[in-house]
Amino acid sequence: MMTKKILSAFLIALFVFTGTLSAQISMQNITPAVNIRIAYINSTEILELIPGKAEATKAIKELNEKYKDELTTMQNDYNNKYTDFLSKQNSLAESIKLRRMQELYELEQNITRFMKIAQEDVESQEKQLIAPLRNKLKEAVEQVGLEQGYTCIYDKANPAIAFITPNAIDATPYVKAKLNIRK
């Protein structure tokens, strides 16, 4: 009986030792399959300098100003009619008062519709003018990633990144060079 216990303990110890030794040997033979290189860029900085961005921003600003001027004209017209209505409402016949109130209501609706249309148009122009620049930036980042052998390139302008190690590689200059930006 004692011999069985000793033999069982010996076999268990041998099994555990062999498994541990096997795991240690296999861990020593593992080599990293990929050399991981991580870099980061600042897309906001690059996008501000990319050729065509200043012109796109100017066109969007000009369109926005045109809408703003028209909205100011519409609001001034509304304010004048509203002030006139308030000053005369007690002396107006009921049917005239109702017609003017309806007119003011329609002006309010027109202003609201105009603001919505203006906002949609400005956003559409912004997408139309800025989207090609963003695509150009994306393509340049991909090319730099492949050329420089980076596993991953993070965007520093993206607030989801919590930490960038001090010895991380800043790929912004490579992307600027790819886009022929000299600043």
N, C-alpha and C. Protein backbone atom coordinates (compact mmCIF):
# COMPACT_ATOMS: atom_id res chain seq x y z
N MET A 1 0.82 -1.19 0.00
CA MET A 1 0.00 0.00 0.00
C MET A 1 0.86 1.25 0.00
N MET A 2 1.87 1.25 0.81
CA MET A 2 2.80 2.37 0.90
C MET A 2 3.55 2.54 -0.41
N THR A 3 3.87 1.46 -1.05
CA THR A 3 4.60 1.51 -2.30
C THR A 3 3.72 2.14 -3.39
N LYS A 4 2.41 1.85 -3.35
CA LYS A 4 1.51 2.44 -4.34
C LYS A 4 1.45 3.96 -4.16
N LYS A 5 1.42 4.42 -2.91
CA LYS A 5 1.37 5.86 -2.65
C LYS A 5 2.65 6.54 -3.11
N ILE A 6 3.78 5.90 -2.83
CA ILE A 6 5.07 6.47 -3.24
C ILE A 6 5.15 6.47 -4.77
N LEU A 7 4.73 5.39 -5.39
CA LEU A 7 4.77 5.29 -6.84
C LEU A 7 3.83 6.34 -7.47
N SER A 8 2.63 6.51 -6.88
CA SER A 8 1.68 7.51 -7.39
C SER A 8 2.25 8.92 -7.25
N ALA A 9 2.82 9.23 -6.11
CA ALA A 9 3.42 10.55 -5.89
C ALA A 9 4.56 10.78 -6.86
N PHE A 10 5.38 9.75 -7.09
CA PHE A 10 6.50 9.86 -8.02
C PHE A 10 5.99 10.13 -9.44
N LEU A 11 4.97 9.39 -9.86
CA LEU A 11 4.42 9.58 -11.20
C LEU A 11 3.81 10.97 -11.37
N ILE A 12 3.10 11.44 -10.34
CA ILE A 12 2.52 12.79 -10.41
C ILE A 12 3.61 13.84 -10.50
N ALA A 13 4.64 13.70 -9.67
CA ALA A 13 5.76 14.65 -9.69
C ALA A 13 6.45 14.62 -11.04
N LEU A 14 6.64 13.43 -11.59
CA LEU A 14 7.29 13.30 -12.90
C LEU A 14 6.43 13.95 -13.98
N PHE A 15 5.13 13.74 -13.92
CA PHE A 15 4.19 14.31 -14.89
C PHE A 15 4.20 15.83 -14.84
N VAL A 16 4.14 16.39 -13.62
CA VAL A 16 4.16 17.84 -13.44
C VAL A 16 5.50 18.41 -13.91
N PHE A 17 6.60 17.77 -13.54
CA PHE A 17 7.94 18.24 -13.92
C PHE A 17 8.10 18.22 -15.44
N THR A 18 7.64 17.13 -16.06
CA THR A 18 7.75 17.00 -17.51
C THR A 18 6.92 18.08 -18.21
N GLY A 19 5.70 18.32 -17.70
CA GLY A 19 4.84 19.36 -18.28
C GLY A 19 5.45 20.74 -18.13
N THR A 20 6.01 21.04 -16.95
CA THR A 20 6.64 22.34 -16.71
C THR A 20 7.87 22.51 -17.59
N LEU A 21 8.68 21.47 -17.68
CA LEU A 21 9.88 21.52 -18.50
C LEU A 21 9.50 21.71 -19.97
N SER A 22 8.48 20.99 -20.41
CA SER A 22 8.02 21.10 -21.79
C SER A 22 7.53 22.52 -22.09
N ALA A 23 6.78 23.11 -21.16
CA ALA A 23 6.28 24.47 -21.34
C ALA A 23 7.43 25.47 -21.39
N GLN A 24 8.44 25.28 -20.52
CA GLN A 24 9.59 26.19 -20.51
C GLN A 24 10.36 26.09 -21.82
N ILE A 25 10.54 24.88 -22.30
CA ILE A 25 11.28 24.70 -23.55
C ILE A 25 10.51 25.33 -24.72
N SER A 26 9.19 25.10 -24.76
CA SER A 26 8.42 25.67 -25.87
C SER A 26 8.36 27.19 -25.80
N MET A 27 8.33 27.78 -24.61
CA MET A 27 8.31 29.24 -24.47
C MET A 27 9.63 29.84 -24.94
N GLN A 28 10.74 29.11 -24.72
CA GLN A 28 12.03 29.61 -25.16
C GLN A 28 12.15 29.61 -26.68
N ASN A 29 11.43 28.70 -27.32
CA ASN A 29 11.50 28.59 -28.78
C ASN A 29 10.57 29.56 -29.50
N ILE A 30 9.69 30.26 -28.76
CA ILE A 30 8.77 31.21 -29.39
C ILE A 30 9.52 32.49 -29.69
N THR A 31 9.42 32.92 -30.92
CA THR A 31 10.01 34.20 -31.31
C THR A 31 8.89 35.08 -31.84
N PRO A 32 8.99 36.37 -31.62
CA PRO A 32 7.93 37.24 -32.12
C PRO A 32 7.82 37.13 -33.63
N ALA A 33 6.60 36.96 -34.10
CA ALA A 33 6.36 36.81 -35.53
C ALA A 33 6.43 38.16 -36.25
N VAL A 34 6.13 39.22 -35.53
CA VAL A 34 6.07 40.54 -36.15
C VAL A 34 6.80 41.55 -35.27
N ASN A 35 7.56 42.42 -35.91
CA ASN A 35 8.18 43.52 -35.18
C ASN A 35 7.16 44.65 -35.15
N ILE A 36 6.61 44.93 -33.99
CA ILE A 36 5.54 45.92 -33.88
C ILE A 36 6.13 47.32 -33.80
N ARG A 37 5.70 48.17 -34.74
CA ARG A 37 6.11 49.58 -34.75
C ARG A 37 4.85 50.42 -34.76
N ILE A 38 4.74 51.28 -33.77
CA ILE A 38 3.56 52.12 -33.65
C ILE A 38 3.99 53.58 -33.75
N ALA A 39 3.21 54.34 -34.51
CA ALA A 39 3.50 55.77 -34.68
C ALA A 39 2.20 56.54 -34.47
N TYR A 40 2.31 57.85 -34.47
CA TYR A 40 1.11 58.68 -34.35
C TYR A 40 1.25 59.89 -35.27
N ILE A 41 0.13 60.49 -35.60
CA ILE A 41 0.11 61.72 -36.39
C ILE A 41 -0.83 62.70 -35.69
N ASN A 42 -0.80 63.94 -36.16
CA ASN A 42 -1.77 64.94 -35.72
C ASN A 42 -2.53 65.38 -36.97
N SER A 43 -3.68 64.75 -37.21
CA SER A 43 -4.43 65.02 -38.44
C SER A 43 -4.94 66.46 -38.51
N THR A 44 -5.24 67.06 -37.37
CA THR A 44 -5.71 68.45 -37.37
C THR A 44 -4.63 69.37 -37.91
N GLU A 45 -3.42 69.17 -37.44
CA GLU A 45 -2.28 69.98 -37.89
C GLU A 45 -2.06 69.80 -39.39
N ILE A 46 -2.08 68.56 -39.84
CA ILE A 46 -1.83 68.28 -41.26
C ILE A 46 -2.96 68.83 -42.12
N LEU A 47 -4.19 68.62 -41.70
CA LEU A 47 -5.35 69.06 -42.49
C LEU A 47 -5.37 70.57 -42.66
N GLU A 48 -4.93 71.30 -41.65
CA GLU A 48 -4.89 72.77 -41.76
C GLU A 48 -3.86 73.22 -42.79
N LEU A 49 -2.84 72.41 -43.03
CA LEU A 49 -1.76 72.79 -43.94
C LEU A 49 -1.90 72.19 -45.33
N ILE A 50 -2.82 71.26 -45.49
CA ILE A 50 -2.94 70.55 -46.76
C ILE A 50 -3.38 71.51 -47.87
N PRO A 51 -2.77 71.42 -49.05
CA PRO A 51 -3.16 72.30 -50.15
C PRO A 51 -4.65 72.17 -50.46
N GLY A 52 -5.31 73.30 -50.59
CA GLY A 52 -6.73 73.32 -50.89
C GLY A 52 -7.61 73.57 -49.67
N LYS A 53 -7.07 73.39 -48.48
CA LYS A 53 -7.86 73.57 -47.25
C LYS A 53 -8.24 75.03 -47.06
N ALA A 54 -7.31 75.94 -47.28
CA ALA A 54 -7.59 77.37 -47.09
C ALA A 54 -8.69 77.83 -48.05
N GLU A 55 -8.62 77.37 -49.30
CA GLU A 55 -9.64 77.75 -50.29
C GLU A 55 -11.00 77.18 -49.91
N ALA A 56 -11.01 75.93 -49.45
CA ALA A 56 -12.27 75.29 -49.04
C ALA A 56 -12.88 76.03 -47.85
N THR A 57 -12.05 76.36 -46.88
CA THR A 57 -12.52 77.09 -45.71
C THR A 57 -13.07 78.45 -46.10
N LYS A 58 -12.38 79.12 -47.02
CA LYS A 58 -12.83 80.44 -47.48
C LYS A 58 -14.18 80.34 -48.19
N ALA A 59 -14.35 79.34 -49.04
CA ALA A 59 -15.61 79.17 -49.77
C ALA A 59 -16.76 78.88 -48.80
N ILE A 60 -16.50 78.06 -47.81
CA ILE A 60 -17.53 77.74 -46.81
C ILE A 60 -17.88 78.98 -46.00
N LYS A 61 -16.86 79.75 -45.63
CA LYS A 61 -17.09 80.97 -44.85
C LYS A 61 -17.91 81.98 -45.66
N GLU A 62 -17.59 82.13 -46.95
CA GLU A 62 -18.33 83.06 -47.81
C GLU A 62 -19.79 82.64 -47.95
N LEU A 63 -20.03 81.36 -48.13
CA LEU A 63 -21.40 80.85 -48.22
C LEU A 63 -22.15 81.11 -46.92
N ASN A 64 -21.49 80.86 -45.82
CA ASN A 64 -22.08 81.08 -44.51
C ASN A 64 -22.44 82.56 -44.32
N GLU A 65 -21.56 83.45 -44.76
CA GLU A 65 -21.82 84.90 -44.65
C GLU A 65 -23.03 85.32 -45.49
N LYS A 66 -23.16 84.74 -46.69
CA LYS A 66 -24.31 85.06 -47.55
C LYS A 66 -25.61 84.67 -46.85
N TYR A 67 -25.62 83.48 -46.29
CA TYR A 67 -26.81 83.03 -45.57
C TYR A 67 -27.07 83.89 -44.34
N LYS A 68 -26.00 84.27 -43.66
CA LYS A 68 -26.14 85.10 -42.47
C LYS A 68 -26.73 86.47 -42.83
N ASP A 69 -26.26 87.06 -43.93
CA ASP A 69 -26.78 88.35 -44.38
C ASP A 69 -28.26 88.26 -44.74
N GLU A 70 -28.63 87.20 -45.46
CA GLU A 70 -30.03 87.03 -45.84
C GLU A 70 -30.90 86.81 -44.60
N LEU A 71 -30.40 86.04 -43.66
CA LEU A 71 -31.15 85.80 -42.42
C LEU A 71 -31.34 87.10 -41.64
N THR A 72 -30.32 87.93 -41.61
CA THR A 72 -30.42 89.23 -40.93
C THR A 72 -31.49 90.09 -41.59
N THR A 73 -31.53 90.09 -42.92
CA THR A 73 -32.55 90.84 -43.65
C THR A 73 -33.95 90.32 -43.30
N MET A 74 -34.09 89.01 -43.28
CA MET A 74 -35.39 88.41 -42.96
C MET A 74 -35.82 88.74 -41.52
N GLN A 75 -34.86 88.67 -40.60
CA GLN A 75 -35.18 88.97 -39.20
C GLN A 75 -35.52 90.45 -39.01
N ASN A 76 -34.81 91.32 -39.70
CA ASN A 76 -35.12 92.76 -39.62
C ASN A 76 -36.52 93.04 -40.16
N ASP A 77 -36.86 92.39 -41.27
CA ASP A 77 -38.20 92.55 -41.83
C ASP A 77 -39.26 92.08 -40.83
N TYR A 78 -39.01 90.94 -40.23
CA TYR A 78 -39.94 90.41 -39.22
C TYR A 78 -40.06 91.37 -38.04
N ASN A 79 -38.92 91.82 -37.52
CA ASN A 79 -38.92 92.73 -36.36
C ASN A 79 -39.67 94.03 -36.67
N ASN A 80 -39.46 94.58 -37.87
CA ASN A 80 -40.17 95.82 -38.26
C ASN A 80 -41.68 95.59 -38.31
N LYS A 81 -42.09 94.49 -38.92
CA LYS A 81 -43.52 94.20 -39.01
C LYS A 81 -44.12 93.90 -37.64
N TYR A 82 -43.35 93.24 -36.80
CA TYR A 82 -43.83 92.91 -35.45
C TYR A 82 -43.99 94.20 -34.62
N THR A 83 -43.00 95.08 -34.70
CA THR A 83 -43.06 96.35 -33.98
C THR A 83 -44.24 97.19 -34.47
N ASP A 84 -44.41 97.23 -35.78
CA ASP A 84 -45.53 97.97 -36.36
C ASP A 84 -46.87 97.38 -35.88
N PHE A 85 -46.94 96.05 -35.87
CA PHE A 85 -48.17 95.39 -35.41
C PHE A 85 -48.46 95.73 -33.95
N LEU A 86 -47.44 95.67 -33.10
CA LEU A 86 -47.64 95.97 -31.67
C LEU A 86 -48.13 97.40 -31.46
N SER A 87 -47.57 98.32 -32.24
CA SER A 87 -47.95 99.72 -32.05
C SER A 87 -49.37 100.02 -32.54
N LYS A 88 -49.88 99.23 -33.50
CA LYS A 88 -51.18 99.52 -34.09
C LYS A 88 -52.27 98.51 -33.73
N GLN A 89 -51.92 97.46 -33.02
CA GLN A 89 -52.88 96.37 -32.83
C GLN A 89 -54.20 96.79 -32.17
N ASN A 90 -54.14 97.76 -31.27
CA ASN A 90 -55.38 98.19 -30.59
C ASN A 90 -56.32 98.96 -31.51
N SER A 91 -55.77 99.56 -32.57
CA SER A 91 -56.61 100.36 -33.46
C SER A 91 -57.02 99.60 -34.73
N LEU A 92 -56.54 98.37 -34.89
CA LEU A 92 -56.84 97.61 -36.10
C LEU A 92 -58.17 96.86 -35.97
N ALA A 93 -58.83 96.74 -37.10
CA ALA A 93 -60.04 95.90 -37.14
C ALA A 93 -59.62 94.46 -36.90
N GLU A 94 -60.49 93.66 -36.35
CA GLU A 94 -60.17 92.27 -35.97
C GLU A 94 -59.67 91.45 -37.16
N SER A 95 -60.28 91.60 -38.32
CA SER A 95 -59.85 90.83 -39.50
C SER A 95 -58.44 91.24 -39.96
N ILE A 96 -58.14 92.52 -39.88
CA ILE A 96 -56.79 93.01 -40.25
C ILE A 96 -55.77 92.50 -39.22
N LYS A 97 -56.15 92.55 -37.96
CA LYS A 97 -55.27 92.07 -36.89
C LYS A 97 -54.94 90.58 -37.10
N LEU A 98 -55.96 89.78 -37.41
CA LEU A 98 -55.75 88.35 -37.65
C LEU A 98 -54.87 88.10 -38.87
N ARG A 99 -55.09 88.89 -39.94
CA ARG A 99 -54.27 88.74 -41.15
C ARG A 99 -52.81 89.06 -40.86
N ARG A 100 -52.57 90.12 -40.10
CA ARG A 100 -51.18 90.50 -39.77
C ARG A 100 -50.53 89.48 -38.83
N MET A 101 -51.32 88.95 -37.91
CA MET A 101 -50.78 87.90 -37.04
C MET A 101 -50.41 86.66 -37.86
N GLN A 102 -51.24 86.34 -38.83
CA GLN A 102 -50.95 85.20 -39.72
C GLN A 102 -49.68 85.49 -40.53
N GLU A 103 -49.56 86.72 -41.01
CA GLU A 103 -48.37 87.11 -41.78
C GLU A 103 -47.11 86.98 -40.92
N LEU A 104 -47.17 87.42 -39.67
CA LEU A 104 -46.02 87.29 -38.75
C LEU A 104 -45.68 85.82 -38.51
N TYR A 105 -46.71 85.01 -38.33
CA TYR A 105 -46.50 83.58 -38.12
C TYR A 105 -45.81 82.96 -39.34
N GLU A 106 -46.27 83.32 -40.53
CA GLU A 106 -45.66 82.79 -41.76
C GLU A 106 -44.21 83.26 -41.91
N LEU A 107 -43.95 84.50 -41.53
CA LEU A 107 -42.56 84.99 -41.57
C LEU A 107 -41.67 84.18 -40.62
N GLU A 108 -42.19 83.89 -39.43
CA GLU A 108 -41.44 83.05 -38.48
C GLU A 108 -41.13 81.68 -39.08
N GLN A 109 -42.14 81.09 -39.71
CA GLN A 109 -41.97 79.78 -40.34
C GLN A 109 -40.94 79.85 -41.47
N ASN A 110 -41.00 80.92 -42.26
CA ASN A 110 -40.03 81.09 -43.35
C ASN A 110 -38.61 81.23 -42.82
N ILE A 111 -38.46 81.96 -41.74
CA ILE A 111 -37.13 82.14 -41.13
C ILE A 111 -36.61 80.79 -40.63
N THR A 112 -37.47 80.03 -39.97
CA THR A 112 -37.07 78.71 -39.46
C THR A 112 -36.68 77.78 -40.61
N ARG A 113 -37.48 77.75 -41.67
CA ARG A 113 -37.17 76.92 -42.84
C ARG A 113 -35.86 77.36 -43.48
N PHE A 114 -35.70 78.66 -43.62
CA PHE A 114 -34.48 79.20 -44.23
C PHE A 114 -33.25 78.81 -43.42
N MET A 115 -33.34 78.91 -42.10
CA MET A 115 -32.20 78.55 -41.25
C MET A 115 -31.84 77.07 -41.43
N LYS A 116 -32.84 76.22 -41.52
CA LYS A 116 -32.60 74.78 -41.70
C LYS A 116 -31.94 74.51 -43.05
N ILE A 117 -32.48 75.13 -44.10
CA ILE A 117 -31.92 74.95 -45.44
C ILE A 117 -30.48 75.47 -45.49
N ALA A 118 -30.25 76.63 -44.90
CA ALA A 118 -28.91 77.22 -44.89
C ALA A 118 -27.92 76.30 -44.17
N GLN A 119 -28.32 75.80 -43.03
CA GLN A 119 -27.44 74.91 -42.26
C GLN A 119 -27.12 73.64 -43.05
N GLU A 120 -28.14 73.05 -43.67
CA GLU A 120 -27.92 71.85 -44.47
C GLU A 120 -27.01 72.12 -45.65
N ASP A 121 -27.19 73.27 -46.29
CA ASP A 121 -26.36 73.61 -47.45
C ASP A 121 -24.90 73.83 -47.04
N VAL A 122 -24.69 74.54 -45.94
CA VAL A 122 -23.32 74.78 -45.47
C VAL A 122 -22.66 73.45 -45.10
N GLU A 123 -23.39 72.58 -44.41
CA GLU A 123 -22.84 71.27 -44.05
C GLU A 123 -22.52 70.45 -45.29
N SER A 124 -23.40 70.51 -46.28
CA SER A 124 -23.19 69.77 -47.53
C SER A 124 -21.95 70.29 -48.26
N GLN A 125 -21.81 71.62 -48.33
CA GLN A 125 -20.63 72.21 -48.98
C GLN A 125 -19.36 71.84 -48.23
N GLU A 126 -19.45 71.83 -46.91
CA GLU A 126 -18.30 71.48 -46.09
C GLU A 126 -17.87 70.04 -46.39
N LYS A 127 -18.83 69.13 -46.43
CA LYS A 127 -18.52 67.73 -46.75
C LYS A 127 -17.95 67.61 -48.15
N GLN A 128 -18.56 68.30 -49.09
CA GLN A 128 -18.13 68.22 -50.47
C GLN A 128 -16.71 68.75 -50.66
N LEU A 129 -16.36 69.81 -49.97
CA LEU A 129 -15.04 70.43 -50.14
C LEU A 129 -13.97 69.80 -49.25
N ILE A 130 -14.34 69.36 -48.06
CA ILE A 130 -13.35 68.84 -47.10
C ILE A 130 -13.13 67.34 -47.25
N ALA A 131 -14.17 66.60 -47.66
CA ALA A 131 -14.05 65.14 -47.78
C ALA A 131 -12.89 64.70 -48.69
N PRO A 132 -12.70 65.32 -49.85
CA PRO A 132 -11.56 64.91 -50.68
C PRO A 132 -10.21 65.16 -49.99
N LEU A 133 -10.13 66.22 -49.20
CA LEU A 133 -8.89 66.51 -48.48
C LEU A 133 -8.65 65.45 -47.40
N ARG A 134 -9.70 65.05 -46.71
CA ARG A 134 -9.58 63.99 -45.69
C ARG A 134 -9.18 62.67 -46.34
N ASN A 135 -9.75 62.38 -47.51
CA ASN A 135 -9.38 61.15 -48.22
C ASN A 135 -7.91 61.18 -48.64
N LYS A 136 -7.47 62.34 -49.10
CA LYS A 136 -6.07 62.51 -49.50
C LYS A 136 -5.15 62.27 -48.29
N LEU A 137 -5.54 62.82 -47.14
CA LEU A 137 -4.78 62.62 -45.90
C LEU A 137 -4.76 61.15 -45.52
N LYS A 138 -5.90 60.50 -45.60
CA LYS A 138 -6.00 59.08 -45.24
C LYS A 138 -5.08 58.23 -46.13
N GLU A 139 -5.10 58.52 -47.44
CA GLU A 139 -4.25 57.78 -48.37
C GLU A 139 -2.77 58.00 -48.05
N ALA A 140 -2.40 59.22 -47.73
CA ALA A 140 -1.01 59.52 -47.39
C ALA A 140 -0.59 58.79 -46.12
N VAL A 141 -1.47 58.74 -45.13
CA VAL A 141 -1.17 58.03 -43.88
C VAL A 141 -0.96 56.55 -44.17
N GLU A 142 -1.82 55.97 -45.00
CA GLU A 142 -1.68 54.55 -45.34
C GLU A 142 -0.36 54.30 -46.07
N GLN A 143 0.00 55.17 -47.00
CA GLN A 143 1.26 55.01 -47.73
C GLN A 143 2.45 55.11 -46.80
N VAL A 144 2.43 56.09 -45.89
CA VAL A 144 3.52 56.25 -44.92
C VAL A 144 3.60 55.02 -44.03
N GLY A 145 2.46 54.52 -43.60
CA GLY A 145 2.44 53.32 -42.76
C GLY A 145 3.10 52.15 -43.45
N LEU A 146 2.79 51.95 -44.72
CA LEU A 146 3.39 50.85 -45.46
C LEU A 146 4.88 51.09 -45.72
N GLU A 147 5.22 52.30 -46.15
CA GLU A 147 6.61 52.61 -46.47
C GLU A 147 7.52 52.55 -45.24
N GLN A 148 7.03 53.04 -44.11
CA GLN A 148 7.85 53.09 -42.89
C GLN A 148 7.75 51.80 -42.07
N GLY A 149 6.88 50.90 -42.46
CA GLY A 149 6.74 49.62 -41.78
C GLY A 149 6.03 49.70 -40.43
N TYR A 150 5.10 50.63 -40.29
CA TYR A 150 4.37 50.75 -39.03
C TYR A 150 3.25 49.72 -38.97
N THR A 151 3.07 49.16 -37.80
CA THR A 151 1.96 48.24 -37.57
C THR A 151 0.68 49.04 -37.43
N CYS A 152 0.80 50.19 -36.79
CA CYS A 152 -0.37 51.00 -36.49
C CYS A 152 0.05 52.46 -36.41
N ILE A 153 -0.82 53.35 -36.91
CA ILE A 153 -0.60 54.79 -36.76
C ILE A 153 -1.84 55.36 -36.09
N TYR A 154 -1.65 55.95 -34.92
CA TYR A 154 -2.75 56.58 -34.19
C TYR A 154 -2.83 58.05 -34.56
N ASP A 155 -4.01 58.61 -34.39
CA ASP A 155 -4.22 60.03 -34.64
C ASP A 155 -4.28 60.76 -33.31
N LYS A 156 -3.29 61.61 -33.05
CA LYS A 156 -3.21 62.36 -31.80
C LYS A 156 -4.40 63.30 -31.63
N ALA A 157 -5.00 63.72 -32.73
CA ALA A 157 -6.16 64.62 -32.67
C ALA A 157 -7.42 63.88 -32.21
N ASN A 158 -7.36 62.56 -32.18
CA ASN A 158 -8.50 61.76 -31.74
C ASN A 158 -8.46 61.65 -30.22
N PRO A 159 -9.46 62.17 -29.53
CA PRO A 159 -9.43 62.19 -28.07
C PRO A 159 -9.53 60.80 -27.43
N ALA A 160 -9.76 59.76 -28.21
CA ALA A 160 -9.86 58.42 -27.65
C ALA A 160 -8.50 57.88 -27.20
N ILE A 161 -7.43 58.50 -27.65
CA ILE A 161 -6.10 58.04 -27.26
C ILE A 161 -5.76 58.64 -25.91
N ALA A 162 -5.53 57.76 -24.94
CA ALA A 162 -5.28 58.22 -23.58
C ALA A 162 -3.81 58.50 -23.31
N PHE A 163 -2.93 57.84 -24.03
CA PHE A 163 -1.51 57.97 -23.71
C PHE A 163 -0.67 57.72 -24.95
N ILE A 164 0.36 58.52 -25.10
CA ILE A 164 1.37 58.29 -26.13
C ILE A 164 2.71 58.31 -25.42
N THR A 165 3.43 57.22 -25.51
CA THR A 165 4.72 57.12 -24.83
C THR A 165 5.70 58.13 -25.42
N PRO A 166 6.59 58.67 -24.60
CA PRO A 166 7.54 59.67 -25.11
C PRO A 166 8.43 59.16 -26.24
N ASN A 167 8.66 57.85 -26.31
CA ASN A 167 9.52 57.34 -27.38
C ASN A 167 8.71 56.83 -28.58
N ALA A 168 7.41 57.19 -28.64
CA ALA A 168 6.60 56.84 -29.80
C ALA A 168 7.09 57.65 -31.00
N ILE A 169 6.87 57.13 -32.15
CA ILE A 169 7.34 57.76 -33.38
C ILE A 169 6.24 58.67 -33.93
N ASP A 170 6.58 59.94 -34.15
CA ASP A 170 5.64 60.89 -34.73
C ASP A 170 5.76 60.81 -36.25
N ALA A 171 4.74 60.28 -36.90
CA ALA A 171 4.76 60.12 -38.35
C ALA A 171 4.21 61.34 -39.08
N THR A 172 3.84 62.38 -38.35
CA THR A 172 3.29 63.59 -38.97
C THR A 172 4.24 64.15 -40.04
N PRO A 173 5.55 64.26 -39.78
CA PRO A 173 6.44 64.79 -40.81
C PRO A 173 6.46 63.94 -42.09
N TYR A 174 6.35 62.62 -41.95
CA TYR A 174 6.34 61.75 -43.12
C TYR A 174 5.08 61.98 -43.95
N VAL A 175 3.94 62.13 -43.26
CA VAL A 175 2.68 62.36 -43.96
C VAL A 175 2.70 63.73 -44.64
N LYS A 176 3.26 64.74 -43.95
CA LYS A 176 3.38 66.07 -44.57
C LYS A 176 4.25 65.99 -45.82
N ALA A 177 5.34 65.25 -45.74
CA ALA A 177 6.23 65.10 -46.90
C ALA A 177 5.50 64.39 -48.04
N LYS A 178 4.71 63.39 -47.69
CA LYS A 178 3.95 62.65 -48.71
C LYS A 178 2.97 63.58 -49.42
N LEU A 179 2.45 64.57 -48.70
CA LEU A 179 1.49 65.53 -49.26
C LEU A 179 2.18 66.80 -49.77
N ASN A 180 3.52 66.81 -49.78
CA ASN A 180 4.31 67.96 -50.22
C ASN A 180 4.02 69.22 -49.42
N ILE A 181 3.81 69.06 -48.12
CA ILE A 181 3.61 70.20 -47.22
C ILE A 181 4.97 70.51 -46.60
N ARG A 182 5.41 71.74 -46.72
CA ARG A 182 6.75 72.12 -46.27
C ARG A 182 6.77 72.84 -44.94
N LYS A 183 5.67 72.99 -44.25
CA LYS A 183 5.63 73.74 -42.99
C LYS A 183 5.81 72.81 -41.83
